Amino acid sequence: MNPEKHITILGILHIAFGGIFLLVGLAAFAVLSGIGVVSGDETALGILGLIGTAGFVFFLTLGLPGIIGGIGLLNYQPWARILVLVIGCLHLFDVPLGTALGIYTIWALTDENTRKLFVGGQQVLSPQAL
């Protein structure tokens, strides 16, 4: 498989993984706020709403860099390669799916042919050159 395909796959996987984090955060917010509403207690609503908001912000903080990095990878931005490498290293601790994504990210983005694709923010190698 050529490096362009690896970059495309990595970009899509990081966008999807980040999207899952956002969905989990949104679900946590909805469930906790919903419990507060159903309870009918204003104190419970305030506390659970605050906890739900904090959870959403936490998952947003985890997911948004992956989405931004994935979009940057699809556009061959040099900063995206560095960002996604850092995110990939952090994903190594997220067993088992994050570990697999982290290993694939590090393997694909440290390859010499892949590194050449990120010079100047555009593809510099044609498929025939590989």
N, C-alpha and C. Protein backbone atom coordinates (compact mmCIF):
# COMPACT_ATOMS: atom_id res chain seq x y z
N MET A 1 0.85 -1.17 0.00
CA MET A 1 0.00 0.00 0.00
C MET A 1 0.90 1.24 0.00
N ASN A 2 0.54 2.23 -0.80
CA ASN A 2 1.37 3.42 -0.88
C ASN A 2 1.10 4.37 0.30
N PRO A 3 2.02 5.28 0.57
CA PRO A 3 1.88 6.17 1.73
C PRO A 3 0.62 7.04 1.70
N GLU A 4 0.17 7.44 0.52
CA GLU A 4 -1.03 8.26 0.44
C GLU A 4 -2.25 7.54 1.02
N LYS A 5 -2.35 6.25 0.78
CA LYS A 5 -3.47 5.48 1.32
C LYS A 5 -3.38 5.38 2.84
N HIS A 6 -2.17 5.20 3.36
CA HIS A 6 -2.00 5.15 4.81
C HIS A 6 -2.42 6.48 5.45
N ILE A 7 -2.06 7.59 4.82
CA ILE A 7 -2.42 8.90 5.35
C ILE A 7 -3.93 9.07 5.32
N THR A 8 -4.57 8.67 4.24
CA THR A 8 -6.02 8.77 4.15
C THR A 8 -6.70 7.92 5.22
N ILE A 9 -6.24 6.69 5.38
CA ILE A 9 -6.81 5.81 6.39
C ILE A 9 -6.60 6.39 7.79
N LEU A 10 -5.39 6.88 8.07
CA LEU A 10 -5.12 7.47 9.38
C LEU A 10 -5.99 8.70 9.65
N GLY A 11 -6.14 9.55 8.64
CA GLY A 11 -6.98 10.73 8.81
C GLY A 11 -8.41 10.35 9.15
N ILE A 12 -8.95 9.40 8.43
CA ILE A 12 -10.33 8.95 8.68
C ILE A 12 -10.45 8.30 10.05
N LEU A 13 -9.49 7.46 10.42
CA LEU A 13 -9.54 6.80 11.73
C LEU A 13 -9.46 7.79 12.88
N HIS A 14 -8.61 8.80 12.74
CA HIS A 14 -8.50 9.79 13.82
C HIS A 14 -9.75 10.67 13.91
N ILE A 15 -10.34 10.99 12.78
CA ILE A 15 -11.60 11.74 12.80
C ILE A 15 -12.69 10.90 13.46
N ALA A 16 -12.77 9.61 13.09
CA ALA A 16 -13.79 8.73 13.66
C ALA A 16 -13.57 8.52 15.16
N PHE A 17 -12.33 8.31 15.56
CA PHE A 17 -12.02 8.09 16.98
C PHE A 17 -12.36 9.34 17.79
N GLY A 18 -12.01 10.51 17.26
CA GLY A 18 -12.36 11.76 17.93
C GLY A 18 -13.86 11.97 17.99
N GLY A 19 -14.55 11.59 16.92
CA GLY A 19 -16.02 11.70 16.90
C GLY A 19 -16.67 10.81 17.94
N ILE A 20 -16.11 9.64 18.16
CA ILE A 20 -16.63 8.75 19.20
C ILE A 20 -16.49 9.40 20.57
N PHE A 21 -15.34 10.03 20.83
CA PHE A 21 -15.16 10.74 22.10
C PHE A 21 -16.21 11.84 22.26
N LEU A 22 -16.48 12.58 21.19
CA LEU A 22 -17.49 13.64 21.27
C LEU A 22 -18.87 13.06 21.55
N LEU A 23 -19.20 11.95 20.91
CA LEU A 23 -20.51 11.32 21.13
C LEU A 23 -20.64 10.81 22.56
N VAL A 24 -19.58 10.25 23.10
CA VAL A 24 -19.61 9.77 24.50
C VAL A 24 -19.82 10.95 25.44
N GLY A 25 -19.14 12.05 25.20
CA GLY A 25 -19.31 13.23 26.03
C GLY A 25 -20.71 13.80 25.95
N LEU A 26 -21.25 13.83 24.74
CA LEU A 26 -22.62 14.32 24.55
C LEU A 26 -23.62 13.40 25.24
N ALA A 27 -23.41 12.10 25.14
CA ALA A 27 -24.31 11.15 25.80
C ALA A 27 -24.24 11.29 27.31
N ALA A 28 -23.04 11.46 27.86
CA ALA A 28 -22.89 11.65 29.30
C ALA A 28 -23.61 12.90 29.76
N PHE A 29 -23.48 13.97 29.00
CA PHE A 29 -24.17 15.21 29.33
C PHE A 29 -25.68 15.02 29.30
N ALA A 30 -26.17 14.36 28.25
CA ALA A 30 -27.61 14.16 28.10
C ALA A 30 -28.17 13.28 29.22
N VAL A 31 -27.48 12.20 29.54
CA VAL A 31 -27.96 11.29 30.58
C VAL A 31 -27.96 11.97 31.94
N LEU A 32 -26.86 12.60 32.29
CA LEU A 32 -26.78 13.23 33.61
C LEU A 32 -27.75 14.40 33.74
N SER A 33 -27.86 15.21 32.72
CA SER A 33 -28.82 16.31 32.77
C SER A 33 -30.25 15.79 32.79
N GLY A 34 -30.49 14.73 32.03
CA GLY A 34 -31.83 14.12 32.02
C GLY A 34 -32.22 13.57 33.37
N ILE A 35 -31.28 12.95 34.05
CA ILE A 35 -31.56 12.43 35.40
C ILE A 35 -31.91 13.60 36.33
N GLY A 36 -31.17 14.69 36.20
CA GLY A 36 -31.46 15.86 37.03
C GLY A 36 -32.84 16.42 36.76
N VAL A 37 -33.26 16.45 35.50
CA VAL A 37 -34.59 16.96 35.15
C VAL A 37 -35.67 16.03 35.68
N VAL A 38 -35.47 14.73 35.50
CA VAL A 38 -36.47 13.75 35.94
C VAL A 38 -36.62 13.75 37.46
N SER A 39 -35.54 14.01 38.17
CA SER A 39 -35.62 14.00 39.63
C SER A 39 -36.51 15.12 40.17
N GLY A 40 -36.59 16.21 39.45
CA GLY A 40 -37.43 17.33 39.87
C GLY A 40 -36.80 18.17 40.97
N ASP A 41 -35.63 17.84 41.41
CA ASP A 41 -34.93 18.58 42.45
C ASP A 41 -33.97 19.57 41.80
N GLU A 42 -34.11 20.85 42.16
CA GLU A 42 -33.27 21.87 41.55
C GLU A 42 -31.79 21.69 41.89
N THR A 43 -31.50 21.25 43.09
CA THR A 43 -30.11 21.03 43.49
C THR A 43 -29.50 19.89 42.67
N ALA A 44 -30.25 18.80 42.54
CA ALA A 44 -29.77 17.66 41.74
C ALA A 44 -29.58 18.08 40.29
N LEU A 45 -30.51 18.86 39.75
CA LEU A 45 -30.40 19.33 38.37
C LEU A 45 -29.13 20.16 38.20
N GLY A 46 -28.86 21.06 39.14
CA GLY A 46 -27.66 21.89 39.04
C GLY A 46 -26.38 21.09 39.14
N ILE A 47 -26.32 20.17 40.10
CA ILE A 47 -25.10 19.38 40.28
C ILE A 47 -24.88 18.43 39.12
N LEU A 48 -25.93 17.72 38.71
CA LEU A 48 -25.78 16.77 37.60
C LEU A 48 -25.53 17.49 36.27
N GLY A 49 -26.14 18.66 36.11
CA GLY A 49 -25.86 19.46 34.91
C GLY A 49 -24.41 19.91 34.87
N LEU A 50 -23.87 20.30 36.03
CA LEU A 50 -22.47 20.71 36.11
C LEU A 50 -21.54 19.53 35.83
N ILE A 51 -21.83 18.38 36.41
CA ILE A 51 -21.01 17.19 36.18
C ILE A 51 -21.10 16.77 34.70
N GLY A 52 -22.30 16.81 34.13
CA GLY A 52 -22.47 16.47 32.72
C GLY A 52 -21.71 17.42 31.81
N THR A 53 -21.75 18.71 32.13
CA THR A 53 -21.01 19.69 31.34
C THR A 53 -19.51 19.46 31.46
N ALA A 54 -19.04 19.20 32.67
CA ALA A 54 -17.61 18.92 32.86
C ALA A 54 -17.19 17.66 32.08
N GLY A 55 -18.05 16.64 32.09
CA GLY A 55 -17.76 15.42 31.32
C GLY A 55 -17.70 15.70 29.83
N PHE A 56 -18.64 16.50 29.35
CA PHE A 56 -18.64 16.84 27.93
C PHE A 56 -17.38 17.62 27.55
N VAL A 57 -17.00 18.58 28.37
CA VAL A 57 -15.79 19.36 28.10
C VAL A 57 -14.56 18.45 28.13
N PHE A 58 -14.53 17.51 29.06
CA PHE A 58 -13.42 16.55 29.13
C PHE A 58 -13.32 15.74 27.85
N PHE A 59 -14.43 15.16 27.40
CA PHE A 59 -14.40 14.35 26.18
C PHE A 59 -14.18 15.20 24.94
N LEU A 60 -14.64 16.44 24.96
CA LEU A 60 -14.36 17.36 23.86
C LEU A 60 -12.87 17.63 23.77
N THR A 61 -12.24 17.81 24.93
CA THR A 61 -10.79 18.04 24.98
C THR A 61 -10.02 16.83 24.46
N LEU A 62 -10.54 15.64 24.69
CA LEU A 62 -9.88 14.43 24.20
C LEU A 62 -10.12 14.20 22.70
N GLY A 63 -11.31 14.52 22.23
CA GLY A 63 -11.68 14.17 20.86
C GLY A 63 -11.35 15.22 19.81
N LEU A 64 -11.45 16.48 20.16
CA LEU A 64 -11.28 17.55 19.17
C LEU A 64 -9.89 17.57 18.53
N PRO A 65 -8.81 17.38 19.27
CA PRO A 65 -7.49 17.36 18.61
C PRO A 65 -7.37 16.26 17.56
N GLY A 66 -7.97 15.10 17.81
CA GLY A 66 -7.93 14.02 16.83
C GLY A 66 -8.68 14.36 15.56
N ILE A 67 -9.82 15.04 15.72
CA ILE A 67 -10.59 15.45 14.54
C ILE A 67 -9.82 16.49 13.74
N ILE A 68 -9.27 17.48 14.44
CA ILE A 68 -8.49 18.52 13.76
C ILE A 68 -7.26 17.91 13.09
N GLY A 69 -6.56 17.04 13.79
CA GLY A 69 -5.39 16.39 13.22
C GLY A 69 -5.73 15.51 12.04
N GLY A 70 -6.85 14.79 12.12
CA GLY A 70 -7.27 13.94 11.00
C GLY A 70 -7.58 14.76 9.76
N ILE A 71 -8.25 15.88 9.94
CA ILE A 71 -8.55 16.76 8.80
C ILE A 71 -7.25 17.32 8.22
N GLY A 72 -6.33 17.70 9.11
CA GLY A 72 -5.03 18.19 8.65
C GLY A 72 -4.25 17.13 7.89
N LEU A 73 -4.32 15.88 8.35
CA LEU A 73 -3.65 14.78 7.62
C LEU A 73 -4.21 14.62 6.22
N LEU A 74 -5.52 14.69 6.11
CA LEU A 74 -6.15 14.53 4.79
C LEU A 74 -5.74 15.65 3.83
N ASN A 75 -5.32 16.79 4.39
CA ASN A 75 -4.86 17.92 3.58
C ASN A 75 -3.33 18.02 3.53
N TYR A 76 -2.63 17.01 4.06
CA TYR A 76 -1.17 16.94 4.03
C TYR A 76 -0.52 18.16 4.67
N GLN A 77 -1.03 18.59 5.80
CA GLN A 77 -0.46 19.72 6.53
C GLN A 77 0.67 19.20 7.42
N PRO A 78 1.86 19.83 7.38
CA PRO A 78 2.99 19.35 8.20
C PRO A 78 2.69 19.36 9.70
N TRP A 79 1.97 20.35 10.20
CA TRP A 79 1.65 20.41 11.62
C TRP A 79 0.77 19.25 12.04
N ALA A 80 -0.06 18.76 11.12
CA ALA A 80 -0.97 17.66 11.44
C ALA A 80 -0.21 16.37 11.69
N ARG A 81 0.88 16.17 10.97
CA ARG A 81 1.68 14.96 11.17
C ARG A 81 2.23 14.93 12.60
N ILE A 82 2.74 16.06 13.08
CA ILE A 82 3.29 16.13 14.44
C ILE A 82 2.16 15.96 15.46
N LEU A 83 1.04 16.67 15.25
CA LEU A 83 -0.09 16.57 16.18
C LEU A 83 -0.59 15.14 16.28
N VAL A 84 -0.77 14.48 15.15
CA VAL A 84 -1.31 13.12 15.17
C VAL A 84 -0.29 12.13 15.73
N LEU A 85 1.00 12.38 15.55
CA LEU A 85 2.00 11.53 16.19
C LEU A 85 1.90 11.62 17.71
N VAL A 86 1.73 12.83 18.23
CA VAL A 86 1.57 13.00 19.68
C VAL A 86 0.29 12.31 20.15
N ILE A 87 -0.80 12.51 19.42
CA ILE A 87 -2.08 11.87 19.78
C ILE A 87 -1.93 10.35 19.71
N GLY A 88 -1.23 9.86 18.68
CA GLY A 88 -1.02 8.42 18.54
C GLY A 88 -0.26 7.85 19.72
N CYS A 89 0.75 8.59 20.20
CA CYS A 89 1.50 8.13 21.39
C CYS A 89 0.59 8.08 22.62
N LEU A 90 -0.29 9.06 22.76
CA LEU A 90 -1.21 9.06 23.89
C LEU A 90 -2.25 7.94 23.77
N HIS A 91 -2.62 7.60 22.55
CA HIS A 91 -3.59 6.52 22.34
C HIS A 91 -3.03 5.15 22.72
N LEU A 92 -1.71 5.03 22.81
CA LEU A 92 -1.11 3.75 23.17
C LEU A 92 -1.62 3.24 24.51
N PHE A 93 -2.02 4.15 25.40
CA PHE A 93 -2.51 3.77 26.72
C PHE A 93 -3.99 3.41 26.74
N ASP A 94 -4.68 3.60 25.62
CA ASP A 94 -6.11 3.33 25.52
C ASP A 94 -6.31 1.94 24.92
N VAL A 95 -6.20 0.92 25.76
CA VAL A 95 -6.25 -0.48 25.33
C VAL A 95 -7.69 -0.87 25.03
N PRO A 96 -7.98 -1.62 24.00
CA PRO A 96 -7.14 -2.18 22.94
C PRO A 96 -7.17 -1.36 21.65
N LEU A 97 -8.29 -0.67 21.36
CA LEU A 97 -8.41 0.02 20.08
C LEU A 97 -7.44 1.18 19.95
N GLY A 98 -7.29 1.95 21.01
CA GLY A 98 -6.37 3.08 20.98
C GLY A 98 -4.93 2.62 20.80
N THR A 99 -4.59 1.50 21.40
CA THR A 99 -3.25 0.95 21.25
C THR A 99 -2.98 0.59 19.80
N ALA A 100 -3.93 -0.07 19.17
CA ALA A 100 -3.77 -0.43 17.76
C ALA A 100 -3.66 0.81 16.88
N LEU A 101 -4.51 1.80 17.14
CA LEU A 101 -4.45 3.04 16.37
C LEU A 101 -3.13 3.76 16.62
N GLY A 102 -2.65 3.78 17.85
CA GLY A 102 -1.38 4.42 18.17
C GLY A 102 -0.21 3.76 17.46
N ILE A 103 -0.17 2.44 17.46
CA ILE A 103 0.91 1.72 16.79
C ILE A 103 0.87 1.98 15.30
N TYR A 104 -0.30 1.92 14.70
CA TYR A 104 -0.44 2.17 13.26
C TYR A 104 -0.04 3.61 12.93
N THR A 105 -0.44 4.54 13.78
CA THR A 105 -0.11 5.95 13.56
C THR A 105 1.41 6.16 13.58
N ILE A 106 2.06 5.63 14.61
CA ILE A 106 3.51 5.80 14.71
C ILE A 106 4.22 5.11 13.55
N TRP A 107 3.79 3.92 13.21
CA TRP A 107 4.41 3.19 12.11
C TRP A 107 4.26 3.95 10.79
N ALA A 108 3.06 4.42 10.51
CA ALA A 108 2.81 5.06 9.21
C ALA A 108 3.44 6.44 9.11
N LEU A 109 3.39 7.22 10.18
CA LEU A 109 3.86 8.61 10.09
C LEU A 109 5.36 8.78 10.27
N THR A 110 6.05 7.74 10.72
CA THR A 110 7.51 7.84 10.85
C THR A 110 8.24 7.24 9.64
N ASP A 111 7.51 6.68 8.70
CA ASP A 111 8.11 6.14 7.49
C ASP A 111 8.69 7.28 6.65
N GLU A 112 9.85 7.06 6.07
CA GLU A 112 10.54 8.11 5.30
C GLU A 112 9.71 8.59 4.11
N ASN A 113 9.07 7.68 3.38
CA ASN A 113 8.25 8.09 2.24
C ASN A 113 7.04 8.92 2.69
N THR A 114 6.49 8.58 3.83
CA THR A 114 5.35 9.33 4.35
C THR A 114 5.80 10.72 4.79
N ARG A 115 6.95 10.82 5.42
CA ARG A 115 7.46 12.11 5.88
C ARG A 115 7.64 13.07 4.71
N LYS A 116 8.05 12.56 3.56
CA LYS A 116 8.26 13.40 2.39
C LYS A 116 6.96 14.01 1.86
N LEU A 117 5.84 13.34 2.16
CA LEU A 117 4.55 13.85 1.69
C LEU A 117 4.14 15.14 2.39
N PHE A 118 4.73 15.43 3.53
CA PHE A 118 4.31 16.57 4.33
C PHE A 118 5.24 17.78 4.19
N VAL A 119 6.07 17.80 3.19
CA VAL A 119 6.95 18.94 2.95
C VAL A 119 6.13 20.05 2.30
N GLY A 120 6.05 21.18 2.95
CA GLY A 120 5.36 22.33 2.37
C GLY A 120 3.85 22.23 2.34
N GLY A 121 3.27 21.28 3.03
CA GLY A 121 1.81 21.19 3.11
C GLY A 121 1.14 20.67 1.86
N GLN A 122 1.88 20.02 0.99
CA GLN A 122 1.25 19.45 -0.19
C GLN A 122 1.97 18.16 -0.56
N GLN A 123 1.33 17.37 -1.38
CA GLN A 123 1.97 16.14 -1.82
C GLN A 123 3.12 16.49 -2.75
N VAL A 124 4.30 15.94 -2.49
CA VAL A 124 5.45 16.22 -3.34
C VAL A 124 5.88 14.98 -4.13
N LEU A 125 5.32 13.85 -3.82
CA LEU A 125 5.64 12.63 -4.55
C LEU A 125 4.42 12.19 -5.35
N SER A 126 4.67 11.82 -6.56
CA SER A 126 3.57 11.27 -7.36
C SER A 126 3.50 9.78 -7.09
N PRO A 127 2.35 9.15 -7.33
CA PRO A 127 2.26 7.70 -7.13
C PRO A 127 3.24 6.91 -7.98
N GLN A 128 3.65 7.45 -9.12
CA GLN A 128 4.59 6.76 -9.98
C GLN A 128 5.99 6.75 -9.37
N ALA A 129 6.32 7.78 -8.57
CA ALA A 129 7.64 7.86 -7.97
C ALA A 129 7.83 6.83 -6.86
N LEU A 130 6.73 6.32 -6.33
CA LEU A 130 6.83 5.35 -5.25
C LEU A 130 6.85 3.99 -5.85
